[in-house]
C-alpha atoms as a PDB file:
ATOM      1  CA  UNK A   1      61.064  58.204  78.361  1.00  0.00           C
ATOM      2  CA  UNK A   2      64.667  57.236  77.616  1.00  0.00           C
ATOM      3  CA  UNK A   3      65.126  57.838  73.891  1.00  0.00           C
ATOM      4  CA  UNK A   4      61.504  58.939  73.432  1.00  0.00           C
ATOM      5  CA  UNK A   5      60.833  61.776  70.953  1.00  0.00           C
ATOM      6  CA  UNK A   6      60.233  64.789  73.213  1.00  0.00           C
ATOM      7  CA  UNK A   7      58.610  68.139  72.515  1.00  0.00           C
ATOM      8  CA  UNK A   8      59.869  70.499  75.202  1.00  0.00           C
ATOM      9  CA  UNK A   9      59.377  74.098  76.363  1.00  0.00           C
ATOM     10  CA  UNK A  10      61.957  76.625  75.104  1.00  0.00           C
ATOM     11  CA  UNK A  11      65.317  77.149  76.757  1.00  0.00           C
ATOM     12  CA  UNK A  12      64.288  80.409  78.401  1.00  0.00           C
ATOM     13  CA  UNK A  13      61.536  78.767  80.479  1.00  0.00           C
ATOM     14  CA  UNK A  14      61.982  77.809  84.117  1.00  0.00           C
ATOM     15  CA  UNK A  15      60.195  74.493  83.648  1.00  0.00           C
ATOM     16  CA  UNK A  16      62.686  73.503  80.911  1.00  0.00           C
ATOM     17  CA  UNK A  17      65.588  73.744  83.359  1.00  0.00           C
ATOM     18  CA  UNK A  18      63.675  71.816  85.995  1.00  0.00           C
ATOM     19  CA  UNK A  19      62.787  69.083  83.482  1.00  0.00           C
ATOM     20  CA  UNK A  20      66.365  68.736  82.269  1.00  0.00           C
ATOM     21  CA  UNK A  21      67.649  68.424  85.858  1.00  0.00           C
ATOM     22  CA  UNK A  22      65.007  65.806  86.626  1.00  0.00           C
ATOM     23  CA  UNK A  23      65.875  63.825  83.486  1.00  0.00           C
ATOM     24  CA  UNK A  24      69.558  63.895  84.490  1.00  0.00           C
ATOM     25  CA  UNK A  25      68.761  62.770  88.055  1.00  0.00           C
ATOM     26  CA  UNK A  26      66.726  59.868  86.657  1.00  0.00           C
ATOM     27  CA  UNK A  27      69.386  59.007  84.021  1.00  0.00           C
ATOM     28  CA  UNK A  28      66.799  59.618  81.305  1.00  0.00           C
ATOM     29  CA  UNK A  29      67.959  60.907  77.942  1.00  0.00           C
ATOM     30  CA  UNK A  30      64.950  61.780  75.796  1.00  0.00           C
ATOM     31  CA  UNK A  31      65.464  62.630  72.131  1.00  0.00           C
ATOM     32  CA  UNK A  32      64.481  66.304  71.905  1.00  0.00           C
ATOM     33  CA  UNK A  33      62.839  66.818  68.525  1.00  0.00           C
ATOM     34  CA  UNK A  34      61.241  70.216  69.097  1.00  0.00           C
ATOM     35  CA  UNK A  35      61.551  73.249  71.372  1.00  0.00           C
ATOM     36  CA  UNK A  36      58.549  75.535  71.788  1.00  0.00           C
ATOM     37  CA  UNK A  37      57.967  78.932  73.366  1.00  0.00           C
ATOM     38  CA  UNK A  38      54.233  78.474  72.710  1.00  0.00           C
ATOM     39  CA  UNK A  39      52.720  75.637  74.761  1.00  0.00           C
ATOM     40  CA  UNK A  40      49.618  75.420  72.538  1.00  0.00           C
ATOM     41  CA  UNK A  41      51.823  74.865  69.492  1.00  0.00           C
ATOM     42  CA  UNK A  42      53.776  72.204  71.393  1.00  0.00           C
ATOM     43  CA  UNK A  43      50.525  70.421  72.256  1.00  0.00           C
ATOM     44  CA  UNK A  44      49.369  70.643  68.628  1.00  0.00           C
ATOM     45  CA  UNK A  45      52.573  68.920  67.502  1.00  0.00           C
ATOM     46  CA  UNK A  46      51.993  66.302  70.199  1.00  0.00           C
ATOM     47  CA  UNK A  47      48.449  65.783  68.979  1.00  0.00           C
ATOM     48  CA  UNK A  48      49.796  65.149  65.476  1.00  0.00           C
ATOM     49  CA  UNK A  49      51.939  62.316  66.837  1.00  0.00           C
ATOM     50  CA  UNK A  50      55.278  64.104  66.526  1.00  0.00           C
ATOM     51  CA  UNK A  51      56.320  63.272  70.076  1.00  0.00           C
ATOM     52  CA  UNK A  52      55.461  63.340  73.750  1.00  0.00           C
ATOM     53  CA  UNK A  53      55.163  66.610  75.653  1.00  0.00           C
ATOM     54  CA  UNK A  54      54.820  67.884  79.197  1.00  0.00           C
ATOM     55  CA  UNK A  55      51.868  69.758  80.659  1.00  0.00           C
ATOM     56  CA  UNK A  56      50.897  70.840  84.176  1.00  0.00           C
ATOM     57  CA  UNK A  57      49.034  68.113  86.082  1.00  0.00           C
ATOM     58  CA  UNK A  58      46.317  70.569  87.066  1.00  0.00           C
ATOM     59  CA  UNK A  59      45.179  70.765  83.425  1.00  0.00           C
ATOM     60  CA  UNK A  60      45.847  67.130  82.456  1.00  0.00           C
ATOM     61  CA  UNK A  61      42.168  66.294  81.940  1.00  0.00           C
ATOM     62  CA  UNK A  62      41.612  69.346  79.734  1.00  0.00           C
ATOM     63  CA  UNK A  63      44.745  68.646  77.677  1.00  0.00           C
ATOM     64  CA  UNK A  64      43.702  65.029  77.114  1.00  0.00           C
ATOM     65  CA  UNK A  65      40.199  66.074  76.104  1.00  0.00           C
ATOM     66  CA  UNK A  66      41.165  69.019  73.900  1.00  0.00           C
ATOM     67  CA  UNK A  67      44.128  67.409  72.129  1.00  0.00           C
ATOM     68  CA  UNK A  68      43.039  63.761  72.082  1.00  0.00           C
ATOM     69  CA  UNK A  69      46.208  62.585  73.831  1.00  0.00           C
ATOM     70  CA  UNK A  70      46.832  60.203  76.733  1.00  0.00           C
ATOM     71  CA  UNK A  71      48.716  60.721  79.972  1.00  0.00           C
ATOM     72  CA  UNK A  72      51.753  58.424  80.017  1.00  0.00           C
ATOM     73  CA  UNK A  73      53.378  59.564  83.247  1.00  0.00           C
ATOM     74  CA  UNK A  74      53.325  61.955  86.173  1.00  0.00           C
ATOM     75  CA  UNK A  75      55.852  63.313  88.654  1.00  0.00           C
ATOM     76  CA  UNK A  76      55.562  65.676  91.594  1.00  0.00           C
ATOM     77  CA  UNK A  77      59.308  66.395  91.342  1.00  0.00           C
ATOM     78  CA  UNK A  78      58.938  69.046  88.612  1.00  0.00           C
ATOM     79  CA  UNK A  79      56.776  72.039  89.483  1.00  0.00           C
ATOM     80  CA  UNK A  80      55.593  75.163  87.739  1.00  0.00           C
ATOM     81  CA  UNK A  81      54.279  78.366  89.328  1.00  0.00           C
ATOM     82  CA  UNK A  82      51.245  80.339  88.191  1.00  0.00           C
ATOM     83  CA  UNK A  83      50.497  83.934  89.177  1.00  0.00           C
ATOM     84  CA  UNK A  84      47.470  86.196  88.906  1.00  0.00           C
ATOM     85  CA  UNK A  85      48.588  89.816  88.888  1.00  0.00           C
ATOM     86  CA  UNK A  86      46.220  92.745  89.355  1.00  0.00           C
ATOM     87  CA  UNK A  87      46.794  96.477  89.555  1.00  0.00           C
ATOM     88  CA  UNK A  88      44.354  96.917  92.416  1.00  0.00           C
ATOM     89  CA  UNK A  89      45.422  96.090  95.932  1.00  0.00           C
ATOM     90  CA  UNK A  90      42.066  94.443  96.552  1.00  0.00           C
ATOM     91  CA  UNK A  91      40.163  92.963  93.621  1.00  0.00           C
ATOM     92  CA  UNK A  92      36.581  94.241  93.627  1.00  0.00           C
ATOM     93  CA  UNK A  93      35.069  93.355  90.252  1.00  0.00           C
ATOM     94  CA  UNK A  94      32.708  90.379  90.827  1.00  0.00           C
ATOM     95  CA  UNK A  95      33.791  88.600  87.632  1.00  0.00           C
ATOM     96  CA  UNK A  96      37.489  88.884  88.453  1.00  0.00           C
ATOM     97  CA  UNK A  97      36.826  87.792  92.052  1.00  0.00           C
ATOM     98  CA  UNK A  98      34.937  84.705  90.813  1.00  0.00           C
ATOM     99  CA  UNK A  99      37.690  83.741  88.353  1.00  0.00           C
ATOM    100  CA  UNK A 100      40.455  84.255  90.928  1.00  0.00           C
ATOM    101  CA  UNK A 101      38.615  82.256  93.595  1.00  0.00           C
ATOM    102  CA  UNK A 102      37.865  79.426  91.168  1.00  0.00           C
ATOM    103  CA  UNK A 103      41.496  79.265  90.025  1.00  0.00           C
ATOM    104  CA  UNK A 104      42.752  79.399  93.603  1.00  0.00           C
ATOM    105  CA  UNK A 105      40.386  76.603  94.665  1.00  0.00           C
ATOM    106  CA  UNK A 106      41.258  74.378  91.689  1.00  0.00           C
ATOM    107  CA  UNK A 107      45.003  74.947  91.740  1.00  0.00           C
ATOM    108  CA  UNK A 108      45.563  74.729  95.459  1.00  0.00           C
ATOM    109  CA  UNK A 109      43.002  72.011  96.161  1.00  0.00           C
ATOM    110  CA  UNK A 110      44.324  69.759  93.347  1.00  0.00           C
ATOM    111  CA  UNK A 111      47.965  70.464  94.219  1.00  0.00           C
ATOM    112  CA  UNK A 112      47.325  69.268  97.744  1.00  0.00           C
END
């Protein structure tokens, strides 16, 4: 990763700060060639061969399939949080319940 062309989330994102700290701890100095507030746009630039990019491990298979890219590394040292927010105290709609349960099972089972 040292000197590699890197596509990175925008400065206002939490994961950007965590990545930069991790790079510093590892004495890695990537060459940042693009900053993106839109992760889909970042992945599209990665697909075009512009540089490497980061993505959550939980969606690695989907990213590789959808964008035709390959995983070149993985770390558990940088994490990202995901939240499902509802206005109801208890979700009752069967479709929303199914989606929430599926996401919970995938995210928390894969994350270990």
